[in-house]
Amino acid sequence: MYGFRFNEKYLSQIPALLELVNLGYDYLKPEQAFNRSLILALLVQ
């Protein structure tokens, strides 16, 4: 688990992330994104 980071780089991304979620995009945890990329790679082959 990553936890909350007190880093300007990560804190500056929060408003953009919230805007994308408000527009209907789903937030994926890093593990979920990795799993989806593996599935897509298998489908492309």
C-alpha atoms as a PDB file:
ATOM      1  CA  MET A   1       0.000   0.000   0.000  1.00  0.00           C
ATOM      2  CA  TYR A   2       1.291   3.434  -0.893  1.00  0.00           C
ATOM      3  CA  GLY A   3      -0.362   5.698   1.677  1.00  0.00           C
ATOM      4  CA  PHE A   4      -0.593   9.481   1.517  1.00  0.00           C
ATOM      5  CA  ARG A   5       2.472  11.278   0.194  1.00  0.00           C
ATOM      6  CA  PHE A   6       3.403  14.768   1.361  1.00  0.00           C
ATOM      7  CA  ASN A   7       5.098  15.575  -1.910  1.00  0.00           C
ATOM      8  CA  GLU A   8       4.251  18.542  -4.121  1.00  0.00           C
ATOM      9  CA  LYS A   9       4.394  16.369  -7.235  1.00  0.00           C
ATOM     10  CA  TYR A  10       1.639  14.082  -5.934  1.00  0.00           C
ATOM     11  CA  LEU A  11      -0.384  16.806  -4.227  1.00  0.00           C
ATOM     12  CA  SER A  12      -0.536  18.821  -7.449  1.00  0.00           C
ATOM     13  CA  GLN A  13      -2.133  15.858  -9.261  1.00  0.00           C
ATOM     14  CA  ILE A  14      -5.087  15.581  -6.870  1.00  0.00           C
ATOM     15  CA  PRO A  15      -7.205  18.380  -8.471  1.00  0.00           C
ATOM     16  CA  ALA A  16      -6.754  16.878 -11.941  1.00  0.00           C
ATOM     17  CA  LEU A  17      -7.618  13.411 -10.647  1.00  0.00           C
ATOM     18  CA  LEU A  18     -10.780  14.723  -8.976  1.00  0.00           C
ATOM     19  CA  GLU A  19     -11.803  16.487 -12.184  1.00  0.00           C
ATOM     20  CA  LEU A  20     -11.394  13.304 -14.222  1.00  0.00           C
ATOM     21  CA  VAL A  21     -13.442  11.324 -11.689  1.00  0.00           C
ATOM     22  CA  ASN A  22     -16.156  14.008 -11.847  1.00  0.00           C
ATOM     23  CA  LEU A  23     -16.175  13.645 -15.639  1.00  0.00           C
ATOM     24  CA  GLY A  24     -16.967   9.941 -15.268  1.00  0.00           C
ATOM     25  CA  TYR A  25     -13.553   8.306 -15.427  1.00  0.00           C
ATOM     26  CA  ASP A  26     -12.807   5.498 -12.963  1.00  0.00           C
ATOM     27  CA  TYR A  27      -9.796   5.700 -10.691  1.00  0.00           C
ATOM     28  CA  LEU A  28      -7.664   2.565 -10.865  1.00  0.00           C
ATOM     29  CA  LYS A  29      -5.211   1.608  -8.180  1.00  0.00           C
ATOM     30  CA  PRO A  30      -1.726   0.846  -9.562  1.00  0.00           C
ATOM     31  CA  GLU A  31      -2.339  -2.896  -9.125  1.00  0.00           C
ATOM     32  CA  GLN A  32      -5.582  -2.693 -11.099  1.00  0.00           C
ATOM     33  CA  ALA A  33      -3.923  -0.773 -13.920  1.00  0.00           C
ATOM     34  CA  PHE A  34      -1.098  -3.317 -14.075  1.00  0.00           C
ATOM     35  CA  ASN A  35      -3.555  -6.228 -14.200  1.00  0.00           C
ATOM     36  CA  ARG A  36      -5.540  -4.562 -16.978  1.00  0.00           C
ATOM     37  CA  SER A  37      -2.389  -3.932 -18.999  1.00  0.00           C
ATOM     38  CA  LEU A  38      -1.486  -7.624 -18.708  1.00  0.00           C
ATOM     39  CA  ILE A  39      -4.937  -8.638 -19.921  1.00  0.00           C
ATOM     40  CA  LEU A  40      -4.755  -6.224 -22.859  1.00  0.00           C
ATOM     41  CA  ALA A  41      -1.298  -7.497 -23.792  1.00  0.00           C
ATOM     42  CA  LEU A  42      -2.646 -11.058 -23.896  1.00  0.00           C
ATOM     43  CA  LEU A  43      -5.609 -10.021 -26.040  1.00  0.00           C
ATOM     44  CA  VAL A  44      -3.399  -8.250 -28.566  1.00  0.00           C
ATOM     45  CA  GLN A  45      -1.259 -11.329 -29.169  1.00  0.00           C
END
